[in-house]
N, C-alpha and C. Protein backbone atom coordinates (compact mmCIF):
# COMPACT_ATOMS: atom_id res chain seq x y z
N UNK A 1 -3.41 -15.53 12.23
CA UNK A 1 -3.28 -14.15 11.76
C UNK A 1 -1.82 -13.73 11.75
N UNK A 2 -1.08 -14.06 12.86
CA UNK A 2 0.33 -13.69 12.93
C UNK A 2 1.13 -14.38 11.84
N UNK A 3 0.79 -15.68 11.61
CA UNK A 3 1.52 -16.42 10.58
C UNK A 3 1.26 -15.83 9.20
N UNK A 4 0.02 -15.41 8.93
CA UNK A 4 -0.30 -14.84 7.62
C UNK A 4 0.41 -13.51 7.42
N UNK A 5 0.53 -12.71 8.49
CA UNK A 5 1.27 -11.45 8.38
C UNK A 5 2.73 -11.70 8.08
N UNK A 6 3.30 -12.74 8.68
CA UNK A 6 4.70 -13.09 8.42
C UNK A 6 4.88 -13.48 6.96
N UNK A 7 3.94 -14.26 6.44
CA UNK A 7 4.03 -14.69 5.04
C UNK A 7 3.92 -13.50 4.10
N UNK A 8 3.02 -12.55 4.43
CA UNK A 8 2.87 -11.37 3.60
C UNK A 8 4.14 -10.55 3.61
N UNK A 9 4.75 -10.40 4.78
CA UNK A 9 5.98 -9.61 4.90
C UNK A 9 7.11 -10.24 4.08
N UNK A 10 7.28 -11.55 4.21
CA UNK A 10 8.32 -12.23 3.44
C UNK A 10 8.06 -12.11 1.95
N UNK A 11 6.78 -12.18 1.55
CA UNK A 11 6.45 -12.04 0.14
C UNK A 11 6.81 -10.67 -0.39
N UNK A 12 6.57 -9.63 0.43
CA UNK A 12 6.92 -8.28 0.03
C UNK A 12 8.42 -8.12 -0.12
N UNK A 13 9.18 -8.76 0.76
CA UNK A 13 10.63 -8.69 0.66
C UNK A 13 11.13 -9.30 -0.66
N UNK A 14 10.57 -10.46 -1.00
CA UNK A 14 10.97 -11.12 -2.24
C UNK A 14 10.61 -10.25 -3.45
N UNK A 15 9.43 -9.65 -3.41
CA UNK A 15 9.01 -8.79 -4.51
C UNK A 15 9.90 -7.56 -4.62
N UNK A 16 10.32 -7.03 -3.46
CA UNK A 16 11.19 -5.85 -3.48
C UNK A 16 12.54 -6.17 -4.09
N UNK A 17 13.09 -7.33 -3.74
CA UNK A 17 14.38 -7.74 -4.32
C UNK A 17 14.27 -7.87 -5.82
N UNK A 18 13.20 -8.52 -6.28
CA UNK A 18 13.03 -8.73 -7.71
C UNK A 18 12.86 -7.41 -8.47
N UNK A 19 12.10 -6.49 -7.87
CA UNK A 19 11.82 -5.22 -8.55
C UNK A 19 13.02 -4.29 -8.57
N UNK A 20 13.74 -4.23 -7.44
CA UNK A 20 14.85 -3.28 -7.32
C UNK A 20 16.10 -3.77 -8.04
N UNK A 21 16.36 -5.07 -7.96
CA UNK A 21 17.60 -5.59 -8.50
C UNK A 21 17.53 -5.91 -9.99
N UNK A 22 16.36 -5.85 -10.60
CA UNK A 22 16.25 -6.19 -12.02
C UNK A 22 17.09 -5.29 -12.92
N UNK A 23 17.27 -3.98 -12.60
CA UNK A 23 18.14 -3.18 -13.47
C UNK A 23 19.57 -3.67 -13.51
N UNK A 24 20.00 -4.36 -12.45
CA UNK A 24 21.38 -4.83 -12.42
C UNK A 24 21.62 -5.93 -13.45
N UNK A 25 20.57 -6.58 -13.85
CA UNK A 25 20.72 -7.67 -14.80
C UNK A 25 20.87 -7.16 -16.23
N UNK A 26 20.55 -5.89 -16.41
CA UNK A 26 20.69 -5.31 -17.75
C UNK A 26 22.07 -4.69 -17.90
N UNK A 27 22.69 -4.86 -19.03
CA UNK A 27 23.99 -4.28 -19.31
C UNK A 27 23.84 -3.09 -20.23
N UNK A 28 24.87 -2.21 -20.21
CA UNK A 28 24.81 -1.03 -21.08
C UNK A 28 25.13 -1.41 -22.52
N UNK A 29 25.16 -0.44 -23.41
CA UNK A 29 25.33 -0.71 -24.83
C UNK A 29 26.68 -1.34 -25.12
N UNK A 30 27.66 -1.08 -24.25
CA UNK A 30 28.99 -1.66 -24.46
C UNK A 30 29.08 -3.07 -23.93
N UNK A 31 28.01 -3.53 -23.26
CA UNK A 31 28.00 -4.89 -22.74
C UNK A 31 28.65 -5.01 -21.40
N UNK A 32 28.88 -3.89 -20.67
CA UNK A 32 29.52 -3.93 -19.38
C UNK A 32 28.47 -3.78 -18.29
N UNK A 33 28.82 -4.25 -17.09
CA UNK A 33 27.91 -4.13 -15.96
C UNK A 33 27.97 -2.73 -15.40
N UNK A 34 27.02 -2.42 -14.46
CA UNK A 34 26.97 -1.09 -13.86
C UNK A 34 28.04 -0.90 -12.80
N UNK A 35 28.77 -1.95 -12.43
CA UNK A 35 29.83 -1.84 -11.45
C UNK A 35 31.11 -1.31 -12.08
N UNK A 36 31.81 -0.43 -11.33
CA UNK A 36 33.06 0.11 -11.84
C UNK A 36 34.13 -0.95 -11.99
N UNK A 37 34.03 -2.05 -11.21
CA UNK A 37 35.02 -3.12 -11.28
C UNK A 37 34.72 -4.08 -12.41
N UNK A 38 33.57 -3.95 -13.04
CA UNK A 38 33.19 -4.86 -14.11
C UNK A 38 32.40 -6.06 -13.63
N UNK A 39 32.22 -6.20 -12.30
CA UNK A 39 31.45 -7.30 -11.73
C UNK A 39 30.08 -6.81 -11.27
N UNK A 40 29.10 -7.68 -11.36
CA UNK A 40 27.74 -7.32 -10.96
C UNK A 40 27.37 -7.87 -9.59
N UNK A 41 27.83 -9.07 -9.28
CA UNK A 41 27.42 -9.75 -8.05
C UNK A 41 28.55 -9.87 -7.05
N UNK A 42 28.18 -9.91 -5.78
CA UNK A 42 29.12 -10.18 -4.70
C UNK A 42 28.43 -11.10 -3.70
N UNK A 43 28.87 -12.36 -3.63
CA UNK A 43 28.30 -13.34 -2.70
C UNK A 43 29.16 -13.35 -1.43
N UNK A 44 28.53 -13.08 -0.27
CA UNK A 44 29.28 -12.95 0.97
C UNK A 44 28.71 -13.86 2.06
N UNK A 45 29.57 -14.24 3.01
CA UNK A 45 29.13 -15.00 4.17
C UNK A 45 29.97 -14.58 5.37
N UNK A 46 29.48 -14.93 6.57
CA UNK A 46 30.18 -14.60 7.81
C UNK A 46 30.96 -15.82 8.31
N UNK A 47 32.30 -15.78 8.30
CA UNK A 47 33.07 -16.93 8.77
C UNK A 47 32.97 -17.14 10.27
N UNK A 48 32.82 -16.06 11.04
CA UNK A 48 32.71 -16.19 12.49
C UNK A 48 31.42 -16.90 12.88
N UNK A 49 30.35 -16.65 12.12
CA UNK A 49 29.08 -17.30 12.42
C UNK A 49 29.14 -18.80 12.25
N UNK A 50 29.92 -19.26 11.27
CA UNK A 50 30.00 -20.70 11.02
C UNK A 50 30.60 -21.44 12.21
N UNK A 51 31.45 -20.76 12.99
CA UNK A 51 32.10 -21.39 14.13
C UNK A 51 31.07 -21.82 15.17
N UNK A 52 30.01 -21.03 15.34
CA UNK A 52 29.00 -21.35 16.35
C UNK A 52 27.73 -21.93 15.75
N UNK A 53 27.74 -22.20 14.45
CA UNK A 53 26.58 -22.82 13.83
C UNK A 53 25.58 -21.85 13.25
N UNK A 54 26.04 -20.67 12.85
CA UNK A 54 25.16 -19.68 12.23
C UNK A 54 25.61 -19.45 10.80
N UNK A 55 24.70 -19.70 9.85
CA UNK A 55 25.00 -19.54 8.43
C UNK A 55 24.34 -18.27 7.92
N UNK A 56 25.15 -17.35 7.42
CA UNK A 56 24.66 -16.06 6.93
C UNK A 56 25.12 -15.87 5.49
N UNK A 57 24.20 -15.58 4.59
CA UNK A 57 24.53 -15.40 3.18
C UNK A 57 23.88 -14.13 2.64
N UNK A 58 24.68 -13.30 1.98
CA UNK A 58 24.20 -12.07 1.37
C UNK A 58 24.64 -12.05 -0.09
N UNK A 59 23.73 -11.72 -0.99
CA UNK A 59 24.07 -11.56 -2.40
C UNK A 59 23.86 -10.11 -2.78
N UNK A 60 24.97 -9.37 -2.94
CA UNK A 60 24.90 -7.98 -3.36
C UNK A 60 24.83 -7.91 -4.89
N UNK A 61 23.94 -7.09 -5.40
CA UNK A 61 23.75 -6.94 -6.84
C UNK A 61 23.91 -5.46 -7.19
N UNK A 62 24.87 -5.15 -8.05
CA UNK A 62 25.13 -3.76 -8.43
C UNK A 62 23.95 -3.20 -9.22
N UNK A 63 23.44 -2.05 -8.76
CA UNK A 63 22.34 -1.39 -9.46
C UNK A 63 22.72 0.03 -9.86
N UNK A 64 23.97 0.35 -9.81
CA UNK A 64 24.46 1.68 -10.17
C UNK A 64 25.94 1.78 -9.87
N UNK A 65 26.50 2.94 -10.04
CA UNK A 65 27.93 3.13 -9.81
C UNK A 65 28.29 3.04 -8.33
N UNK A 66 27.35 3.40 -7.44
CA UNK A 66 27.65 3.45 -6.01
C UNK A 66 26.77 2.54 -5.17
N UNK A 67 25.75 1.89 -5.74
CA UNK A 67 24.77 1.15 -4.96
C UNK A 67 24.70 -0.33 -5.34
N UNK A 68 24.45 -1.15 -4.31
CA UNK A 68 24.08 -2.55 -4.51
C UNK A 68 22.84 -2.84 -3.67
N UNK A 69 22.09 -3.86 -4.06
CA UNK A 69 20.93 -4.30 -3.29
C UNK A 69 20.74 -5.78 -3.55
N UNK A 70 20.22 -6.50 -2.57
CA UNK A 70 20.02 -7.92 -2.77
C UNK A 70 19.49 -8.61 -1.53
N UNK A 71 19.23 -9.92 -1.63
CA UNK A 71 18.67 -10.67 -0.50
C UNK A 71 19.72 -11.00 0.55
N UNK A 72 19.25 -11.11 1.79
CA UNK A 72 20.12 -11.47 2.91
C UNK A 72 19.40 -12.52 3.75
N UNK A 73 20.03 -13.68 3.91
CA UNK A 73 19.42 -14.80 4.62
C UNK A 73 20.35 -15.32 5.70
N UNK A 74 19.78 -15.82 6.78
CA UNK A 74 20.60 -16.43 7.83
C UNK A 74 19.81 -17.52 8.53
N UNK A 75 20.53 -18.52 9.01
CA UNK A 75 19.94 -19.60 9.79
C UNK A 75 20.91 -19.98 10.89
N UNK A 76 20.40 -20.09 12.11
CA UNK A 76 21.23 -20.40 13.27
C UNK A 76 20.68 -21.63 13.98
N UNK A 77 21.57 -22.57 14.29
CA UNK A 77 21.19 -23.77 15.03
C UNK A 77 22.43 -24.27 15.77
N UNK A 78 22.55 -23.91 17.04
CA UNK A 78 23.71 -24.35 17.79
C UNK A 78 23.35 -24.61 19.24
N UNK A 79 24.19 -25.37 19.90
CA UNK A 79 24.00 -25.66 21.32
C UNK A 79 25.36 -25.81 21.98
N UNK A 80 25.45 -25.42 23.23
CA UNK A 80 26.69 -25.54 24.00
C UNK A 80 26.33 -26.13 25.36
N UNK A 81 27.31 -26.84 25.94
CA UNK A 81 27.09 -27.44 27.25
C UNK A 81 27.23 -28.94 27.19
N UNK A 82 26.68 -29.61 28.20
CA UNK A 82 26.76 -31.07 28.28
C UNK A 82 25.45 -31.60 28.85
N UNK A 83 25.50 -32.84 29.39
CA UNK A 83 24.28 -33.44 29.90
C UNK A 83 23.79 -32.74 31.17
N UNK A 84 24.69 -32.06 31.89
CA UNK A 84 24.31 -31.40 33.13
C UNK A 84 23.62 -30.06 32.89
N UNK A 85 24.18 -29.27 32.00
CA UNK A 85 23.61 -27.95 31.69
C UNK A 85 23.82 -27.67 30.20
N UNK A 86 22.82 -27.07 29.58
CA UNK A 86 22.89 -26.91 28.13
C UNK A 86 22.12 -25.66 27.68
N UNK A 87 22.69 -24.97 26.66
CA UNK A 87 22.02 -23.83 26.04
C UNK A 87 21.83 -24.15 24.56
N UNK A 88 20.61 -23.99 24.06
CA UNK A 88 20.29 -24.27 22.66
C UNK A 88 19.64 -23.04 22.03
N UNK A 89 20.00 -22.78 20.80
CA UNK A 89 19.46 -21.62 20.10
C UNK A 89 19.18 -21.98 18.64
N UNK A 90 18.01 -21.58 18.16
CA UNK A 90 17.65 -21.81 16.76
C UNK A 90 16.86 -20.62 16.25
N UNK A 91 17.15 -20.19 15.03
CA UNK A 91 16.43 -19.06 14.47
C UNK A 91 16.77 -18.82 13.01
N UNK A 92 16.05 -17.91 12.40
CA UNK A 92 16.29 -17.57 11.01
C UNK A 92 15.93 -16.11 10.79
N UNK A 93 16.43 -15.56 9.69
CA UNK A 93 16.04 -14.22 9.27
C UNK A 93 16.13 -14.14 7.76
N UNK A 94 15.30 -13.29 7.18
CA UNK A 94 15.30 -13.07 5.73
C UNK A 94 14.99 -11.60 5.49
N UNK A 95 15.69 -11.00 4.53
CA UNK A 95 15.45 -9.59 4.28
C UNK A 95 16.14 -9.07 3.05
N UNK A 96 16.19 -7.76 2.96
CA UNK A 96 16.81 -7.07 1.83
C UNK A 96 17.92 -6.17 2.37
N UNK A 97 19.08 -6.24 1.74
CA UNK A 97 20.23 -5.45 2.17
C UNK A 97 20.71 -4.58 1.01
N UNK A 98 21.02 -3.33 1.30
CA UNK A 98 21.58 -2.41 0.31
C UNK A 98 22.94 -1.93 0.80
N UNK A 99 23.78 -1.45 -0.11
CA UNK A 99 25.06 -0.87 0.24
C UNK A 99 25.33 0.36 -0.63
N UNK A 100 25.80 1.43 0.00
CA UNK A 100 26.28 2.60 -0.72
C UNK A 100 27.78 2.69 -0.51
N UNK A 101 28.53 2.66 -1.60
CA UNK A 101 30.00 2.69 -1.55
C UNK A 101 30.50 4.09 -1.89
N UNK A 102 31.28 4.66 -1.00
CA UNK A 102 31.77 6.03 -1.18
C UNK A 102 32.61 6.18 -2.44
N UNK A 103 33.42 5.17 -2.74
CA UNK A 103 34.33 5.25 -3.89
C UNK A 103 33.86 4.44 -5.09
N UNK A 104 32.62 3.99 -5.04
CA UNK A 104 32.10 3.19 -6.15
C UNK A 104 31.95 1.73 -5.75
N UNK A 105 31.05 1.05 -6.43
CA UNK A 105 30.75 -0.35 -6.13
C UNK A 105 31.99 -1.22 -6.24
N UNK A 106 32.19 -2.09 -5.21
CA UNK A 106 33.26 -3.07 -5.18
C UNK A 106 34.64 -2.42 -5.32
N UNK A 107 34.80 -1.26 -4.66
CA UNK A 107 36.06 -0.53 -4.64
C UNK A 107 36.44 -0.26 -3.19
N UNK A 108 37.72 -0.36 -2.85
CA UNK A 108 38.17 -0.10 -1.49
C UNK A 108 37.63 1.22 -0.97
N UNK A 109 37.11 1.21 0.26
CA UNK A 109 36.63 2.45 0.84
C UNK A 109 35.48 2.25 1.81
N UNK A 110 34.96 3.37 2.30
CA UNK A 110 33.86 3.37 3.24
C UNK A 110 32.54 2.96 2.58
N UNK A 111 31.65 2.37 3.36
CA UNK A 111 30.32 2.03 2.85
C UNK A 111 29.28 2.18 3.96
N UNK A 112 28.04 2.37 3.55
CA UNK A 112 26.88 2.36 4.44
C UNK A 112 25.96 1.23 4.00
N UNK A 113 25.47 0.45 4.97
CA UNK A 113 24.65 -0.71 4.63
C UNK A 113 23.33 -0.76 5.36
N UNK A 114 22.26 -0.16 4.80
CA UNK A 114 20.93 -0.28 5.40
C UNK A 114 20.28 -1.61 5.01
N UNK A 115 19.42 -2.12 5.89
CA UNK A 115 18.73 -3.38 5.59
C UNK A 115 17.42 -3.44 6.36
N UNK A 116 16.51 -4.30 5.88
CA UNK A 116 15.27 -4.59 6.57
C UNK A 116 15.08 -6.10 6.56
N UNK A 117 14.80 -6.68 7.73
CA UNK A 117 14.71 -8.13 7.84
C UNK A 117 13.54 -8.54 8.72
N UNK A 118 13.12 -9.79 8.54
CA UNK A 118 12.16 -10.41 9.45
C UNK A 118 12.88 -11.60 10.08
N UNK A 119 12.82 -11.71 11.41
CA UNK A 119 13.56 -12.77 12.08
C UNK A 119 12.70 -13.46 13.14
N UNK A 120 13.08 -14.68 13.45
CA UNK A 120 12.45 -15.46 14.51
C UNK A 120 13.53 -16.27 15.20
N UNK A 121 13.59 -16.16 16.53
CA UNK A 121 14.62 -16.84 17.31
C UNK A 121 13.98 -17.51 18.52
N UNK A 122 14.44 -18.74 18.82
CA UNK A 122 14.01 -19.45 20.00
C UNK A 122 15.23 -20.00 20.72
N UNK A 123 15.26 -19.85 22.04
CA UNK A 123 16.41 -20.31 22.82
C UNK A 123 15.93 -21.03 24.08
N UNK A 124 16.70 -22.03 24.52
CA UNK A 124 16.37 -22.79 25.72
C UNK A 124 17.63 -23.02 26.55
N UNK A 125 17.52 -22.75 27.85
CA UNK A 125 18.63 -23.05 28.78
C UNK A 125 18.13 -24.07 29.79
N UNK A 126 18.86 -25.17 29.90
CA UNK A 126 18.52 -26.22 30.85
C UNK A 126 19.61 -26.28 31.91
N UNK A 127 19.22 -26.13 33.20
CA UNK A 127 20.23 -26.09 34.27
C UNK A 127 20.58 -27.50 34.73
N UNK A 128 21.42 -27.57 35.76
CA UNK A 128 21.92 -28.86 36.24
C UNK A 128 20.84 -29.73 36.87
N UNK A 129 19.72 -29.14 37.25
CA UNK A 129 18.61 -29.90 37.82
C UNK A 129 17.58 -30.30 36.78
N UNK A 130 17.87 -30.00 35.50
CA UNK A 130 16.96 -30.36 34.43
C UNK A 130 15.83 -29.38 34.22
N UNK A 131 15.89 -28.23 34.89
CA UNK A 131 14.85 -27.21 34.73
C UNK A 131 15.17 -26.34 33.53
N UNK A 132 14.16 -26.07 32.71
CA UNK A 132 14.36 -25.35 31.45
C UNK A 132 13.79 -23.94 31.52
N UNK A 133 14.53 -23.02 30.93
CA UNK A 133 14.09 -21.63 30.78
C UNK A 133 14.13 -21.33 29.28
N UNK A 134 12.98 -20.99 28.71
CA UNK A 134 12.90 -20.78 27.26
C UNK A 134 12.57 -19.32 26.93
N UNK A 135 13.02 -18.89 25.76
CA UNK A 135 12.74 -17.53 25.31
C UNK A 135 12.57 -17.51 23.80
N UNK A 136 11.80 -16.55 23.30
CA UNK A 136 11.59 -16.44 21.86
C UNK A 136 11.33 -14.99 21.49
N UNK A 137 11.64 -14.67 20.25
CA UNK A 137 11.40 -13.32 19.72
C UNK A 137 11.22 -13.43 18.22
N UNK A 138 10.34 -12.59 17.66
CA UNK A 138 10.15 -12.57 16.22
C UNK A 138 9.57 -11.23 15.79
N UNK A 139 9.82 -10.87 14.52
CA UNK A 139 9.29 -9.63 13.98
C UNK A 139 10.26 -8.95 13.04
N UNK A 140 9.85 -7.86 12.41
CA UNK A 140 10.70 -7.13 11.47
C UNK A 140 11.62 -6.14 12.19
N UNK A 141 12.72 -5.80 11.53
CA UNK A 141 13.67 -4.84 12.09
C UNK A 141 14.43 -4.17 10.96
N UNK A 142 14.93 -2.97 11.23
CA UNK A 142 15.78 -2.25 10.27
C UNK A 142 17.15 -2.07 10.90
N UNK A 143 18.18 -2.10 10.06
CA UNK A 143 19.55 -1.95 10.54
C UNK A 143 20.31 -0.97 9.65
N UNK A 144 21.33 -0.37 10.22
CA UNK A 144 22.22 0.49 9.46
C UNK A 144 23.64 0.25 9.94
N UNK A 145 24.52 -0.14 9.01
CA UNK A 145 25.92 -0.39 9.31
C UNK A 145 26.79 0.61 8.57
N UNK A 146 27.89 0.98 9.19
CA UNK A 146 28.92 1.80 8.54
C UNK A 146 30.23 1.04 8.67
N UNK A 147 30.96 0.93 7.57
CA UNK A 147 32.18 0.15 7.64
C UNK A 147 33.12 0.43 6.49
N UNK A 148 34.07 -0.48 6.34
CA UNK A 148 35.10 -0.35 5.30
C UNK A 148 35.20 -1.68 4.55
N UNK A 149 35.38 -1.58 3.24
CA UNK A 149 35.52 -2.77 2.42
C UNK A 149 36.85 -2.80 1.70
N UNK A 150 37.45 -4.00 1.64
CA UNK A 150 38.70 -4.21 0.90
C UNK A 150 38.39 -5.16 -0.26
N UNK A 151 38.68 -4.73 -1.48
CA UNK A 151 38.34 -5.53 -2.67
C UNK A 151 39.57 -5.79 -3.52
N UNK A 152 39.75 -7.08 -3.83
CA UNK A 152 40.81 -7.48 -4.74
C UNK A 152 40.17 -7.90 -6.07
N UNK A 153 40.85 -8.71 -6.86
CA UNK A 153 40.30 -9.09 -8.17
C UNK A 153 38.91 -9.71 -8.03
N UNK A 154 38.76 -10.63 -7.12
CA UNK A 154 37.44 -11.24 -6.90
C UNK A 154 37.14 -11.37 -5.41
N UNK A 155 38.16 -11.60 -4.60
CA UNK A 155 37.98 -11.77 -3.16
C UNK A 155 37.81 -10.42 -2.46
N UNK A 156 37.00 -10.38 -1.39
CA UNK A 156 36.81 -9.14 -0.66
C UNK A 156 36.47 -9.39 0.80
N UNK A 157 36.73 -8.37 1.62
CA UNK A 157 36.41 -8.38 3.05
C UNK A 157 35.63 -7.12 3.37
N UNK A 158 34.53 -7.26 4.12
CA UNK A 158 33.75 -6.12 4.56
C UNK A 158 33.59 -6.17 6.07
N UNK A 159 33.90 -5.06 6.74
CA UNK A 159 33.87 -4.98 8.20
C UNK A 159 33.06 -3.75 8.60
N UNK A 160 31.97 -3.95 9.35
CA UNK A 160 31.11 -2.83 9.69
C UNK A 160 30.52 -2.92 11.08
N UNK A 161 30.05 -1.79 11.58
CA UNK A 161 29.42 -1.70 12.90
C UNK A 161 28.26 -0.71 12.83
N UNK A 162 27.19 -1.01 13.56
CA UNK A 162 26.03 -0.12 13.52
C UNK A 162 25.00 -0.51 14.55
N UNK A 163 23.72 -0.34 14.20
CA UNK A 163 22.64 -0.61 15.14
C UNK A 163 21.44 -1.19 14.42
N UNK A 164 20.61 -1.90 15.19
CA UNK A 164 19.36 -2.49 14.70
C UNK A 164 18.20 -1.95 15.53
N UNK A 165 17.13 -1.54 14.86
CA UNK A 165 15.93 -1.06 15.55
C UNK A 165 14.75 -1.91 15.13
N UNK A 166 13.98 -2.40 16.10
CA UNK A 166 12.84 -3.23 15.81
C UNK A 166 11.63 -2.40 15.41
N UNK A 167 10.88 -2.90 14.43
CA UNK A 167 9.69 -2.21 13.94
C UNK A 167 8.43 -2.77 14.59
N UNK A 168 7.48 -1.90 14.84
CA UNK A 168 6.21 -2.37 15.37
C UNK A 168 6.36 -2.98 16.75
N UNK A 169 5.53 -3.94 17.06
CA UNK A 169 5.52 -4.57 18.37
C UNK A 169 6.27 -5.90 18.33
N UNK A 170 7.59 -5.82 18.44
CA UNK A 170 8.40 -7.04 18.51
C UNK A 170 8.71 -7.30 19.99
N UNK A 171 8.31 -8.47 20.47
CA UNK A 171 8.45 -8.77 21.88
C UNK A 171 9.36 -9.97 22.10
N UNK A 172 9.99 -9.99 23.27
CA UNK A 172 10.76 -11.14 23.72
C UNK A 172 9.95 -11.83 24.81
N UNK A 173 9.66 -13.12 24.61
CA UNK A 173 8.90 -13.88 25.60
C UNK A 173 9.81 -14.89 26.29
N UNK A 174 9.75 -14.92 27.62
CA UNK A 174 10.55 -15.85 28.41
C UNK A 174 9.60 -16.69 29.26
N UNK A 175 9.74 -18.01 29.18
CA UNK A 175 8.90 -18.92 29.95
C UNK A 175 9.76 -19.72 30.92
N UNK A 176 9.38 -19.72 32.21
CA UNK A 176 10.17 -20.44 33.20
C UNK A 176 9.69 -21.89 33.32
N UNK A 177 10.29 -22.62 34.27
CA UNK A 177 10.00 -24.06 34.40
C UNK A 177 8.57 -24.34 34.88
N UNK A 178 7.91 -23.30 35.43
CA UNK A 178 6.55 -23.48 35.90
C UNK A 178 5.52 -23.16 34.81
N UNK A 179 6.00 -22.72 33.65
CA UNK A 179 5.10 -22.38 32.55
C UNK A 179 4.66 -20.93 32.55
N UNK A 180 5.16 -20.14 33.50
CA UNK A 180 4.81 -18.72 33.55
C UNK A 180 5.61 -17.95 32.51
N UNK A 181 4.95 -16.99 31.85
CA UNK A 181 5.59 -16.21 30.81
C UNK A 181 5.79 -14.76 31.23
N UNK A 182 6.92 -14.21 30.79
CA UNK A 182 7.20 -12.79 30.99
C UNK A 182 7.53 -12.20 29.63
N UNK A 183 6.85 -11.12 29.29
CA UNK A 183 7.02 -10.51 27.97
C UNK A 183 7.58 -9.10 28.11
N UNK A 184 8.57 -8.79 27.30
CA UNK A 184 9.13 -7.43 27.27
C UNK A 184 9.34 -7.02 25.82
N UNK A 185 9.20 -5.73 25.56
CA UNK A 185 9.33 -5.24 24.20
C UNK A 185 10.79 -5.10 23.81
N UNK A 186 11.13 -5.62 22.64
CA UNK A 186 12.51 -5.52 22.15
C UNK A 186 12.75 -4.11 21.61
N UNK A 187 13.96 -3.59 21.80
CA UNK A 187 14.27 -2.24 21.34
C UNK A 187 15.48 -2.28 20.42
N UNK A 188 16.31 -1.26 20.48
CA UNK A 188 17.48 -1.20 19.60
C UNK A 188 18.63 -2.02 20.18
N UNK A 189 19.55 -2.40 19.32
CA UNK A 189 20.71 -3.18 19.74
C UNK A 189 21.87 -2.91 18.78
N UNK A 190 23.07 -3.20 19.26
CA UNK A 190 24.24 -3.06 18.41
C UNK A 190 24.23 -4.13 17.32
N UNK A 191 24.80 -3.81 16.19
CA UNK A 191 24.90 -4.75 15.07
C UNK A 191 26.27 -4.62 14.43
N UNK A 192 26.72 -5.68 13.83
CA UNK A 192 28.02 -5.64 13.17
C UNK A 192 28.13 -6.73 12.13
N UNK A 193 29.16 -6.64 11.32
CA UNK A 193 29.40 -7.68 10.32
C UNK A 193 30.88 -7.80 10.01
N UNK A 194 31.29 -9.02 9.76
CA UNK A 194 32.61 -9.34 9.23
C UNK A 194 32.38 -10.41 8.19
N UNK A 195 32.51 -10.05 6.92
CA UNK A 195 32.17 -10.99 5.86
C UNK A 195 33.31 -11.19 4.88
N UNK A 196 33.33 -12.37 4.31
CA UNK A 196 34.24 -12.71 3.20
C UNK A 196 33.37 -12.89 1.96
N UNK A 197 33.81 -12.36 0.83
CA UNK A 197 32.99 -12.44 -0.37
C UNK A 197 33.77 -12.63 -1.64
N UNK A 198 33.04 -12.96 -2.70
CA UNK A 198 33.62 -13.14 -4.02
C UNK A 198 32.74 -12.43 -5.05
N UNK A 199 33.34 -11.55 -5.83
CA UNK A 199 32.60 -10.84 -6.86
C UNK A 199 32.72 -11.59 -8.19
N UNK A 200 31.67 -11.47 -8.99
CA UNK A 200 31.69 -12.12 -10.32
C UNK A 200 30.71 -11.41 -11.23
């Protein structure tokens, strides 16, 4: 049942991206895009995430003079430590991200970035005695970032800070070496982004 709900949620996200972003694919009578810069798309990634093994990709699609919307995907798979003690983390998220630009799409200035995502994360810590402590969390969440964007001819930087709030019953489960589980409900958390992008 849980797996089917996850599939339904992801399907709705894909449908939302297709329905909302389709106007961006249409050009006006002059043959220009809806972006003030003349570009429709902005492909972005997080360089800091790559350092620790987290790949984050966002495709912004201009749907008006001040708005973009598009898919946001991430995958994380990293581990730190050695044979004595080790921490491993793996997870993914998929969702829809929008941006409102104060000075117009792909123009220097302030922006607001709301998003809705579904994520699943699993982590394991193994101590020096070989005992493992595992944890996992999954479910939908909404986020809102406020930041500033710098845009050149095609290259751009976006820097933002905000918060994430979990929807419904999203829980964090922790299992100790004896197999006992402890469950706690996930709540709000800080969120941020530092991305490099290219418009086209």
